[in-house]
Amino acid sequence: MQMSRFGSRLAALTAVVVVAAACGAGPSTRPDVAIEGGSAGSDGGPATTEPTDEGPPPLEAPVTDLNWTDCTARATAARGITAAPGVLVDCATFPAPIDRTVASDGTFELSAVRVRTAATPADAAPLVYTSGTDRPSSADMAALAAQPDTALLDAHPIVGVDRRGIGNSAPFDCYSGATSTRDALTDLGQYSPGTDAADKVATLAREATIACTDFLLPEALIFGVTNSADDLEALREAWGVRALSFLGSGNGALVALGYAAAYGDHVARLVLDSPTSVITDAVTSAEQTVRGEEAALTAFATRCAAAGCSLGADPRSQVVELFRRADAGDLAPLSGATVRQAVVHLLAYPSTADGAERVRSTSDTVAGALAGNTTALDDAVDEVRALTETDGHFVSRCTDGQQWPAPDRVRELQTSWSGQYPAFGATAALNLLTCSAWPATTPPPVPSTLGLPVLVLSGNADAVTGTEPLPAVTGALGAAGAATTTITWDGIGHPVSVGSGCGRAAVATYLETGDVPEGGNACPA
């Protein structure tokens, strides 16, 4: 049987890297994106653990593990991070069917990154991590490797899986080849011809959508939450275990919930870290995010001023001034959109566990740019583009979203949000148009029944998701019959499981006992 036309095109057009280089830069010799005759089944046969009548399935170590290769130095150096003493990072790939619902011999090659310590038992059950489209899971694994407390890793390895076309999973180029379109869409048309911003972004989005759907057809819509959940099922089959334990952060929480909806009997533990909302329209979701960005900026400004940072007595106004200059073109070629992305990146994904150092570094980056030295800001822009602006991100985000608004609605939102959310609102509204031409898709699924307690983590100053999605998420879990407990972190960053040792300790306890603590809990900054 021949692989799909999409698989054939990707195999011909995409160069990928070997397992040993899956976590770092360098020559690319990994197997093709699509492999004829590929299988997602386990080499070790079916899982041997018998089902239990009470409670969730037990934790299991892989029966047949992946072909891991040490990549500690490459994985951490690529993020400008040094692994904590005794922490090891391994890389591997595994195949997943292009579409489990359609007979096909083609597979995707997906990247897995494992973080553990020298003390982690060889027979310890892994915790599967997915950050969805927020940024590559492999990047969070590198950040996790740098955290000084290793109690969670001492007990369980954590395995991050990059979504299709994201991070170290096999990439594809559907519109990035047209550099002018790619850069102009990332800049939200700021330096493109024309006077109406909404019209410019809508036109660029249409061009990108046509390029990607033409390139990917007939499989243009196989990059959503449901397909990502199927990919994790391929990992379970490869390991030969009955059940997996999941930690889904941000958009990855939807992937974990999608897995529970489709494969609920195969879930042993479920942690949702700073989840995005479930089954909501794009405008509502974007407003929840922009409120989180504003809250994170306010929290940063408060701590920055208290520490006597380089932005002076009113750090928030200084950040807003940087945005104003970028919007005016004073920081060209940097745009207002990319400068905001860089600041969100600095607030959400700190490279150090030291909270005071994170505040100081972000302050110095902004202060330097205001003084005319944009070197640190340029570096942040380059990093955020590499981590969040690939074609895989574009296709997956657009596929996941619902009810993208038209230009007229976006113009209304620009006016209202610029007043309500002065730092990020107008740009957030305009950004909604980047997927406005994408074909409509079904909403990401949530489980109708779930027979295990769920641990939820949330950060009070989360610039990626904010806290507003929590009621909808916990409500959906409650409707499915699952007990939940939410642990709240007072620090700045995303996700809690990377930024907070207290949060990681809660995850470790939950993995060990299978129970969530009663009532609410708080983790200090």
Protein backbone atom coordinates (compact mmCIF):
# COMPACT_ATOMS: atom_id res chain seq x y z
CA MET A 1 0.00 0.00 0.00
CA GLN A 2 1.29 3.45 -0.86
CA MET A 3 1.58 6.16 1.73
CA SER A 4 -0.66 9.21 1.40
CA ARG A 5 0.17 12.05 -0.97
CA PHE A 6 0.92 14.21 2.06
CA GLY A 7 3.34 11.62 3.43
CA SER A 8 5.05 11.31 0.08
CA ARG A 9 5.50 15.07 -0.23
CA LEU A 10 6.88 15.41 3.26
CA ALA A 11 9.24 12.51 2.78
CA ALA A 12 10.56 14.18 -0.34
CA LEU A 13 10.70 17.72 0.97
CA THR A 14 11.73 17.50 4.62
CA ALA A 15 15.13 16.71 6.09
CA VAL A 16 15.08 15.54 9.71
CA VAL A 17 17.58 14.60 12.39
CA VAL A 18 18.89 11.41 13.91
CA VAL A 19 17.73 10.29 17.31
CA ALA A 20 21.04 11.29 18.85
CA ALA A 21 20.57 14.85 17.62
CA ALA A 22 16.85 15.09 18.27
CA CYS A 23 17.31 17.59 21.06
CA GLY A 24 19.85 19.94 19.56
CA ALA A 25 21.10 21.84 16.59
CA GLY A 26 23.30 20.25 13.99
CA PRO A 27 23.19 18.16 10.81
CA SER A 28 19.85 16.57 10.04
CA THR A 29 19.78 12.86 9.29
CA ARG A 30 16.74 11.57 11.19
CA PRO A 31 14.37 9.18 9.33
CA ASP A 32 11.82 10.70 6.99
CA VAL A 33 8.62 12.25 8.30
CA ALA A 34 6.56 9.50 6.72
CA ILE A 35 7.78 5.92 6.57
CA GLU A 36 6.19 3.28 4.38
CA GLY A 37 5.14 0.22 6.28
CA GLY A 38 5.46 2.03 9.61
CA SER A 39 3.55 0.76 12.63
CA ALA A 40 2.53 2.36 15.90
CA GLY A 41 2.22 -0.99 17.63
CA SER A 42 4.53 -2.18 20.37
CA ASP A 43 7.43 -4.45 19.51
CA GLY A 44 6.93 -6.03 22.90
CA GLY A 45 3.35 -7.13 22.31
CA PRO A 46 0.31 -6.21 24.37
CA ALA A 47 0.57 -4.99 27.94
CA THR A 48 0.72 -7.77 30.50
CA THR A 49 -0.99 -5.98 33.39
CA GLU A 50 -4.50 -7.24 34.05
CA PRO A 51 -7.31 -4.69 34.39
CA THR A 52 -8.40 -3.80 37.90
CA ASP A 53 -12.01 -3.51 39.02
CA GLU A 54 -11.43 -0.61 41.39
CA GLY A 55 -9.78 2.71 40.71
CA PRO A 56 -7.50 3.74 37.86
CA PRO A 57 -4.97 1.36 36.31
CA PRO A 58 -1.66 0.90 38.14
CA LEU A 59 1.51 2.72 37.16
CA GLU A 60 3.74 0.71 34.83
CA ALA A 61 7.24 0.96 33.47
CA PRO A 62 7.60 0.40 29.71
CA VAL A 63 7.73 -3.23 28.66
CA THR A 64 9.57 -2.26 25.47
CA ASP A 65 11.27 1.11 25.79
CA LEU A 66 12.29 3.56 23.10
CA ASN A 67 15.86 3.69 21.82
CA TRP A 68 17.03 6.50 24.07
CA THR A 69 20.28 8.35 23.44
CA ASP A 70 21.88 10.78 25.86
CA CYS A 71 21.43 14.38 24.72
CA THR A 72 21.86 16.27 28.00
CA ALA A 73 24.41 18.77 26.72
CA ARG A 74 22.66 19.49 23.42
CA ALA A 75 19.16 19.76 24.88
CA THR A 76 20.12 22.22 27.59
CA ALA A 77 22.67 24.22 25.61
CA ALA A 78 20.07 24.83 22.89
CA ARG A 79 18.01 26.69 25.50
CA GLY A 80 20.96 28.42 27.17
CA ILE A 81 20.47 26.26 30.26
CA THR A 82 22.74 24.04 32.35
CA ALA A 83 21.33 20.81 33.73
CA ALA A 84 21.31 20.44 37.51
CA PRO A 85 23.86 18.02 38.97
CA GLY A 86 22.83 14.42 38.45
CA VAL A 87 20.07 15.22 35.93
CA LEU A 88 20.12 13.32 32.64
CA VAL A 89 18.30 14.13 29.39
CA ASP A 90 17.69 11.45 26.76
CA CYS A 91 16.21 11.75 23.27
CA ALA A 92 14.37 9.31 21.04
CA THR A 93 11.79 9.20 18.28
CA PHE A 94 8.80 6.94 17.71
CA PRO A 95 6.37 6.50 14.81
CA ALA A 96 2.67 7.35 14.96
CA PRO A 97 0.06 6.72 12.23
CA ILE A 98 -0.78 9.72 10.10
CA ASP A 99 -4.48 9.03 10.70
CA ARG A 100 -5.67 6.14 12.85
CA THR A 101 -9.16 6.28 11.31
CA VAL A 102 -7.97 5.78 7.73
CA ALA A 103 -6.05 2.80 6.42
CA SER A 104 -2.56 4.08 5.71
CA ASP A 105 1.00 2.81 5.74
CA GLY A 106 2.37 6.26 6.50
CA THR A 107 3.60 7.45 9.88
CA PHE A 108 4.87 10.62 11.49
CA GLU A 109 8.17 10.52 13.34
CA LEU A 110 7.63 12.18 16.71
CA SER A 111 10.21 13.39 19.18
CA ALA A 112 10.33 12.28 22.82
CA VAL A 113 12.64 13.81 25.43
CA ARG A 114 13.13 12.07 28.79
CA VAL A 115 14.39 13.82 31.92
CA ARG A 116 15.53 11.75 34.89
CA THR A 117 18.32 11.55 37.45
CA ALA A 118 20.99 8.99 38.17
CA ALA A 119 18.80 7.91 41.12
CA THR A 120 15.62 7.31 39.09
CA PRO A 121 14.73 3.60 39.34
CA ALA A 122 15.00 1.74 36.05
CA ASP A 123 11.53 0.29 36.62
CA ALA A 124 9.88 3.61 37.51
CA ALA A 125 6.73 4.48 35.57
CA PRO A 126 7.18 7.57 33.36
CA LEU A 127 5.04 10.68 33.45
CA VAL A 128 4.15 11.80 29.90
CA TYR A 129 4.31 15.57 29.40
CA THR A 130 2.77 17.63 26.61
CA SER A 131 2.70 21.41 26.25
CA GLY A 132 0.64 21.22 23.06
CA THR A 133 1.14 24.23 20.80
CA ASP A 134 2.28 26.70 23.46
CA ARG A 135 5.88 25.77 22.78
CA PRO A 136 7.74 22.48 22.26
CA SER A 137 7.52 20.02 25.14
CA SER A 138 11.24 19.44 24.57
CA ALA A 139 11.93 23.05 25.57
CA ASP A 140 10.11 22.57 28.87
CA MET A 141 12.05 19.36 29.45
CA ALA A 142 15.28 21.32 29.10
CA ALA A 143 14.00 23.91 31.60
CA LEU A 144 12.91 21.16 33.97
CA ALA A 145 16.38 19.63 33.81
CA ALA A 146 17.84 22.86 35.18
CA GLN A 147 15.66 23.00 38.31
CA PRO A 148 17.69 22.43 41.49
CA ASP A 149 15.24 20.17 43.34
CA THR A 150 15.00 16.72 41.78
CA ALA A 151 12.62 14.83 44.07
CA LEU A 152 10.03 14.28 41.33
CA LEU A 153 12.66 13.14 38.82
CA ASP A 154 14.27 10.89 41.41
CA ALA A 155 10.99 8.97 41.58
CA HIS A 156 9.73 9.12 37.99
CA PRO A 157 11.22 10.01 34.61
CA ILE A 158 9.26 12.66 32.73
CA VAL A 159 8.89 12.16 28.98
CA GLY A 160 7.95 15.19 26.87
CA VAL A 161 6.39 14.61 23.45
CA ASP A 162 6.48 17.36 20.81
CA ARG A 163 3.32 17.78 18.74
CA ARG A 164 3.36 17.12 15.01
CA GLY A 165 5.60 19.57 13.16
CA ILE A 166 6.66 21.28 16.41
CA GLY A 167 9.99 21.26 18.20
CA ASN A 168 12.07 18.18 17.40
CA SER A 169 9.21 16.22 15.84
CA ALA A 170 9.59 15.97 12.08
CA PRO A 171 8.98 19.46 10.63
CA PHE A 172 7.23 20.58 7.50
CA ASP A 173 7.26 23.83 5.53
CA CYS A 174 4.00 24.87 3.97
CA TYR A 175 4.32 28.66 3.95
CA SER A 176 7.63 29.52 5.60
CA GLY A 177 9.28 29.14 2.21
CA ALA A 178 7.56 32.41 1.35
CA THR A 179 9.66 34.38 3.82
CA SER A 180 7.86 37.64 3.18
CA THR A 181 4.49 36.10 4.09
CA ARG A 182 5.88 34.35 7.17
CA ASP A 183 7.59 37.44 8.59
CA ALA A 184 4.75 39.77 7.68
CA LEU A 185 2.18 37.54 9.40
CA THR A 186 4.36 37.26 12.51
CA ASP A 187 4.61 41.06 12.51
CA LEU A 188 0.81 41.30 12.03
CA GLY A 189 1.36 43.29 8.87
CA GLN A 190 3.00 46.25 10.58
CA TYR A 191 5.52 46.78 7.77
CA SER A 192 3.30 45.55 4.92
CA PRO A 193 1.74 47.86 2.34
CA GLY A 194 -1.70 49.19 3.17
CA THR A 195 -3.36 51.29 5.83
CA ASP A 196 -5.93 49.03 7.50
CA ALA A 197 -4.24 46.60 9.90
CA ALA A 198 -7.13 44.13 10.00
CA ASP A 199 -7.30 43.91 6.21
CA LYS A 200 -3.54 43.38 5.97
CA VAL A 201 -3.52 40.53 8.50
CA ALA A 202 -6.60 38.90 6.97
CA THR A 203 -4.94 38.94 3.54
CA LEU A 204 -1.70 37.49 4.89
CA ALA A 205 -3.62 34.83 6.81
CA ARG A 206 -5.51 33.85 3.67
CA GLU A 207 -2.25 33.49 1.74
CA ALA A 208 -0.73 31.32 4.49
CA THR A 209 -3.88 29.21 4.76
CA ILE A 210 -4.05 28.58 1.02
CA ALA A 211 -0.37 27.64 0.94
CA CYS A 212 -0.66 25.23 3.85
CA THR A 213 -3.96 23.58 2.92
CA ASP A 214 -2.75 23.11 -0.67
CA PHE A 215 0.49 21.59 0.57
CA LEU A 216 -1.11 19.34 3.20
CA LEU A 217 -4.25 18.18 1.40
CA PRO A 218 -5.87 15.75 1.83
CA GLU A 219 -4.53 15.67 5.41
CA ALA A 220 -4.68 19.41 6.19
CA LEU A 221 -6.79 18.91 9.32
CA ILE A 222 -4.88 16.07 11.01
CA PHE A 223 -2.92 18.38 13.32
CA GLY A 224 -5.52 18.97 16.01
CA VAL A 225 -5.98 17.85 19.60
CA THR A 226 -7.56 14.54 18.61
CA ASN A 227 -4.62 13.58 16.40
CA SER A 228 -2.17 14.58 19.12
CA ALA A 229 -4.04 12.34 21.57
CA ASP A 230 -3.79 9.50 19.04
CA ASP A 231 -0.04 10.09 18.87
CA LEU A 232 0.20 9.53 22.63
CA GLU A 233 -1.74 6.31 22.19
CA ALA A 234 0.97 5.27 19.73
CA LEU A 235 3.51 5.88 22.49
CA ARG A 236 1.51 3.69 24.90
CA GLU A 237 1.41 0.93 22.31
CA ALA A 238 5.14 1.26 21.66
CA TRP A 239 5.81 0.92 25.39
CA GLY A 240 3.47 -2.06 25.71
CA VAL A 241 1.75 -0.79 28.86
CA ARG A 242 -1.90 -0.74 29.77
CA ALA A 243 -2.01 2.89 30.90
CA LEU A 244 -0.13 6.20 30.85
CA SER A 245 0.15 9.02 33.36
CA PHE A 246 -0.14 12.52 31.90
CA LEU A 247 0.90 16.04 32.72
CA GLY A 248 -0.65 18.42 30.19
CA SER A 249 0.24 22.10 30.44
CA GLY A 250 -1.56 24.98 28.73
CA ASN A 251 -2.84 23.85 25.35
CA GLY A 252 -1.36 20.45 26.17
CA ALA A 253 -4.04 20.05 28.85
CA LEU A 254 -6.53 19.79 25.98
CA VAL A 255 -4.41 17.04 24.46
CA ALA A 256 -4.39 15.14 27.76
CA LEU A 257 -8.16 15.59 28.08
CA GLY A 258 -8.58 14.50 24.47
CA TYR A 259 -6.66 11.33 25.29
CA ALA A 260 -8.87 10.72 28.34
CA ALA A 261 -11.95 11.21 26.14
CA ALA A 262 -10.79 8.66 23.57
CA TYR A 263 -8.78 6.26 25.73
CA GLY A 264 -10.08 6.75 29.26
CA ASP A 265 -9.34 3.17 30.34
CA HIS A 266 -5.67 3.81 29.58
CA VAL A 267 -5.19 6.77 31.96
CA ALA A 268 -3.52 6.05 35.31
CA ARG A 269 -2.92 9.63 36.50
CA LEU A 270 -3.90 13.02 35.08
CA VAL A 271 -2.36 16.39 35.95
CA LEU A 272 -3.56 19.55 34.22
CA ASP A 273 -1.10 22.41 34.63
CA SER A 274 -2.32 25.95 33.85
CA PRO A 275 -4.86 24.59 31.36
CA THR A 276 -6.45 26.53 28.55
CA SER A 277 -10.24 26.57 28.50
CA VAL A 278 -12.31 23.72 27.10
CA ILE A 279 -14.65 24.08 24.11
CA THR A 280 -14.74 27.86 23.84
CA ASP A 281 -14.68 30.27 20.93
CA ALA A 282 -11.45 31.94 19.84
CA VAL A 283 -12.46 35.41 21.05
CA THR A 284 -13.26 34.23 24.57
CA SER A 285 -10.06 32.21 24.72
CA ALA A 286 -7.98 35.16 23.49
CA GLU A 287 -9.51 37.49 26.06
CA GLN A 288 -8.72 35.04 28.85
CA THR A 289 -5.13 34.93 27.65
CA VAL A 290 -4.76 38.69 27.38
CA ARG A 291 -6.05 39.10 30.92
CA GLY A 292 -3.38 36.65 32.02
CA GLU A 293 -0.73 38.67 30.17
CA GLU A 294 -1.86 41.87 31.86
CA ALA A 295 -1.88 40.19 35.28
CA ALA A 296 1.61 38.77 34.73
CA LEU A 297 2.92 42.19 33.68
CA THR A 298 1.39 43.79 36.76
CA ALA A 299 2.91 41.15 39.05
CA PHE A 300 6.31 41.61 37.40
CA ALA A 301 6.10 45.40 37.73
CA THR A 302 5.21 45.17 41.43
CA ARG A 303 8.14 42.91 42.21
CA CYS A 304 10.48 44.85 39.96
CA ALA A 305 9.71 48.15 41.70
CA ALA A 306 10.04 46.55 45.14
CA ALA A 307 13.48 45.22 44.20
CA GLY A 308 14.66 48.61 42.91
CA CYS A 309 15.13 47.24 39.41
CA SER A 310 16.53 49.09 36.39
CA LEU A 311 13.05 50.19 35.22
CA GLY A 312 12.63 52.56 38.13
CA ALA A 313 9.55 53.28 40.23
CA ASP A 314 6.96 52.47 37.55
CA PRO A 315 8.16 49.44 35.58
CA ARG A 316 4.77 48.79 33.97
CA SER A 317 4.70 52.19 32.29
CA GLN A 318 8.22 51.57 30.98
CA VAL A 319 7.18 48.27 29.39
CA VAL A 320 4.14 49.95 27.84
CA GLU A 321 6.43 52.68 26.51
CA LEU A 322 8.59 50.00 24.86
CA PHE A 323 5.46 48.64 23.19
CA ARG A 324 4.48 52.13 22.03
CA ARG A 325 7.87 52.66 20.40
CA ALA A 326 7.69 49.27 18.71
CA ASP A 327 4.19 50.05 17.41
CA ALA A 328 5.51 53.34 16.02
CA GLY A 329 8.31 51.57 14.15
CA ASP A 330 11.06 53.04 16.31
CA LEU A 331 12.52 49.58 16.93
CA ALA A 332 12.37 48.43 13.29
CA PRO A 333 12.73 45.77 12.08
CA LEU A 334 11.15 44.60 15.34
CA SER A 335 7.39 45.00 15.33
CA GLY A 336 4.97 45.72 18.13
CA ALA A 337 3.67 42.15 17.92
CA THR A 338 7.10 40.51 18.15
CA VAL A 339 8.23 42.76 21.01
CA ARG A 340 5.12 41.81 22.98
CA GLN A 341 5.75 38.14 22.23
CA ALA A 342 9.29 38.52 23.54
CA VAL A 343 8.14 40.15 26.78
CA VAL A 344 5.50 37.45 27.31
CA HIS A 345 8.21 34.87 26.68
CA LEU A 346 10.45 36.47 29.31
CA LEU A 347 7.60 36.59 31.82
CA ALA A 348 6.32 33.08 31.11
CA TYR A 349 9.40 30.97 30.42
CA PRO A 350 12.27 32.10 32.67
CA SER A 351 15.60 30.41 32.10
CA THR A 352 16.50 30.39 35.79
CA ALA A 353 14.77 29.12 38.92
CA ASP A 354 15.83 32.24 40.85
CA GLY A 355 12.76 34.51 40.96
CA ALA A 356 14.72 37.66 41.80
CA GLU A 357 17.17 37.00 38.96
CA ARG A 358 14.29 36.48 36.52
CA VAL A 359 12.82 39.86 37.43
CA ARG A 360 16.20 41.56 37.15
CA SER A 361 16.99 40.02 33.77
CA THR A 362 13.63 40.96 32.27
CA SER A 363 13.95 44.49 33.63
CA ASP A 364 17.43 44.89 32.18
CA THR A 365 16.28 43.61 28.77
CA VAL A 366 13.49 46.19 28.61
CA ALA A 367 15.62 49.00 30.03
CA GLY A 368 18.40 48.28 27.56
CA ALA A 369 16.00 48.41 24.61
CA LEU A 370 14.57 51.72 25.82
CA ALA A 371 18.12 53.07 26.01
CA GLY A 372 18.84 51.96 22.43
CA ASN A 373 20.55 48.62 23.06
CA THR A 374 18.22 45.92 21.73
CA THR A 375 20.70 43.02 21.80
CA ALA A 376 18.99 41.13 24.63
CA LEU A 377 15.55 41.91 23.20
CA ASP A 378 16.65 40.69 19.76
CA ASP A 379 17.80 37.44 21.35
CA ALA A 380 14.41 37.00 23.05
CA VAL A 381 12.59 37.67 19.77
CA ASP A 382 14.74 35.11 17.95
CA GLU A 383 14.11 32.50 20.63
CA VAL A 384 10.36 33.00 20.74
CA ARG A 385 10.14 32.80 16.95
CA ALA A 386 12.11 29.56 16.89
CA LEU A 387 9.96 28.03 19.63
CA THR A 388 6.48 29.24 18.71
CA GLU A 389 6.32 30.49 15.12
CA THR A 390 6.90 27.41 12.97
CA ASP A 391 4.51 26.15 10.32
CA GLY A 392 3.57 23.33 12.68
CA HIS A 393 2.47 25.85 15.28
CA PHE A 394 0.43 27.80 12.74
CA VAL A 395 -1.40 24.74 11.43
CA SER A 396 -2.02 23.19 14.85
CA ARG A 397 -3.21 26.40 16.51
CA CYS A 398 -5.60 27.16 13.69
CA THR A 399 -6.91 23.60 13.71
CA ASP A 400 -7.51 23.68 17.48
CA GLY A 401 -9.33 27.03 17.44
CA GLN A 402 -13.04 27.64 17.09
CA GLN A 403 -15.10 30.44 15.52
CA TRP A 404 -12.31 32.70 14.36
CA PRO A 405 -13.68 36.26 13.98
CA ALA A 406 -13.88 38.30 10.78
CA PRO A 407 -12.09 41.65 10.26
CA ASP A 408 -15.07 43.79 11.27
CA ARG A 409 -15.38 42.01 14.61
CA VAL A 410 -11.63 42.32 15.18
CA ARG A 411 -11.76 46.07 14.56
CA GLU A 412 -14.42 46.34 17.28
CA LEU A 413 -12.28 44.29 19.64
CA GLN A 414 -9.22 46.41 18.93
CA THR A 415 -11.12 49.48 20.08
CA SER A 416 -12.59 47.94 23.21
CA TRP A 417 -9.58 45.86 24.24
CA SER A 418 -7.11 48.73 23.80
CA GLY A 419 -8.91 50.45 26.66
CA GLN A 420 -9.52 47.39 28.83
CA TYR A 421 -6.09 45.83 28.34
CA PRO A 422 -3.75 48.70 27.44
CA ALA A 423 -0.52 46.70 27.17
CA PHE A 424 -1.65 43.73 25.10
CA GLY A 425 -5.30 44.16 24.10
CA ALA A 426 -5.23 45.73 20.63
CA THR A 427 -2.50 43.39 19.39
CA ALA A 428 -4.26 40.35 20.85
CA ALA A 429 -7.41 41.28 18.94
CA LEU A 430 -5.51 41.67 15.68
CA ASN A 431 -3.75 38.34 16.23
CA LEU A 432 -7.13 36.59 16.05
CA LEU A 433 -7.11 37.15 12.30
CA THR A 434 -4.08 34.96 11.70
CA CYS A 435 -6.38 31.91 11.58
CA SER A 436 -9.45 33.65 10.17
CA ALA A 437 -9.29 31.79 6.83
CA TRP A 438 -8.63 28.34 8.30
CA PRO A 439 -11.31 25.67 7.66
CA ALA A 440 -13.74 25.09 10.53
CA THR A 441 -13.01 22.08 12.72
CA THR A 442 -14.81 20.20 15.47
CA PRO A 443 -14.17 21.32 19.07
CA PRO A 444 -11.47 19.48 21.03
CA PRO A 445 -13.10 16.62 22.96
CA VAL A 446 -13.41 16.30 26.73
CA PRO A 447 -14.15 13.06 28.56
CA SER A 448 -17.79 12.30 29.37
CA THR A 449 -16.76 9.94 32.18
CA LEU A 450 -13.48 9.88 34.07
CA GLY A 451 -12.89 7.44 36.89
CA LEU A 452 -9.87 8.97 38.58
CA PRO A 453 -9.09 12.11 40.59
CA VAL A 454 -7.34 14.93 38.72
CA LEU A 455 -4.68 17.28 40.05
CA VAL A 456 -4.90 20.84 38.66
CA LEU A 457 -2.07 23.39 38.94
CA SER A 458 -2.51 27.11 38.34
CA GLY A 459 -0.25 30.17 38.46
CA ASN A 460 -1.56 33.53 39.65
CA ALA A 461 0.71 35.38 37.21
CA ASP A 462 0.56 33.16 34.13
CA ALA A 463 1.11 35.09 30.89
CA VAL A 464 0.21 32.07 28.72
CA THR A 465 -3.22 31.03 29.98
CA GLY A 466 -4.13 33.14 32.99
CA THR A 467 -6.47 31.71 35.61
CA GLU A 468 -9.87 32.30 34.00
CA PRO A 469 -10.08 28.94 32.18
CA LEU A 470 -10.03 27.02 35.47
CA PRO A 471 -13.78 27.03 36.27
CA ALA A 472 -14.67 25.64 32.84
CA VAL A 473 -11.98 22.97 33.10
CA THR A 474 -12.83 21.83 36.63
CA GLY A 475 -16.52 22.01 35.74
CA ALA A 476 -16.02 19.68 32.80
CA LEU A 477 -14.04 17.30 34.99
CA GLY A 478 -16.75 17.37 37.65
CA ALA A 479 -19.41 16.65 35.05
CA ALA A 480 -17.36 13.61 34.04
CA GLY A 481 -17.38 12.38 37.64
CA ALA A 482 -13.77 13.24 38.50
CA ALA A 483 -12.76 14.79 41.81
CA THR A 484 -10.31 17.68 41.43
CA THR A 485 -8.01 19.70 43.62
CA THR A 486 -6.36 22.93 42.44
CA ILE A 487 -2.96 23.99 43.76
CA THR A 488 -2.16 27.65 43.12
CA TRP A 489 1.34 29.05 42.66
CA ASP A 490 2.10 32.68 43.52
CA GLY A 491 5.11 32.90 41.23
CA ILE A 492 5.48 34.41 37.76
CA GLY A 493 5.78 31.91 34.94
CA HIS A 494 4.31 28.99 33.03
CA PRO A 495 3.84 26.14 33.72
CA VAL A 496 3.75 25.56 37.48
CA SER A 497 5.40 22.15 37.19
CA VAL A 498 8.53 23.75 35.73
CA GLY A 499 8.61 26.94 37.80
CA SER A 500 7.63 25.69 41.26
CA GLY A 501 9.33 23.07 43.39
CA CYS A 502 6.23 23.03 45.56
CA GLY A 503 4.11 22.23 42.50
CA ARG A 504 6.45 19.40 41.51
CA ALA A 505 6.23 17.98 45.04
CA ALA A 506 2.44 17.92 44.73
CA VAL A 507 2.74 16.02 41.44
CA ALA A 508 5.13 13.52 43.03
CA THR A 509 2.74 12.86 45.91
CA TYR A 510 -0.20 12.44 43.53
CA LEU A 511 1.74 9.96 41.39
CA GLU A 512 2.64 7.96 44.49
CA THR A 513 -0.79 7.86 46.14
CA GLY A 514 -3.22 8.33 43.26
CA ASP A 515 -5.22 10.73 45.44
CA VAL A 516 -5.52 14.52 45.33
CA PRO A 517 -5.41 16.51 48.58
CA GLU A 518 -8.71 17.76 49.91
CA GLY A 519 -9.39 21.47 49.64
CA GLY A 520 -7.26 24.17 48.05
CA ASN A 521 -3.52 24.49 48.43
CA ALA A 522 -1.03 27.26 47.77
CA CYS A 523 2.59 27.30 46.65
CA PRO A 524 4.75 30.35 47.43
CA ALA A 525 6.49 32.40 44.74
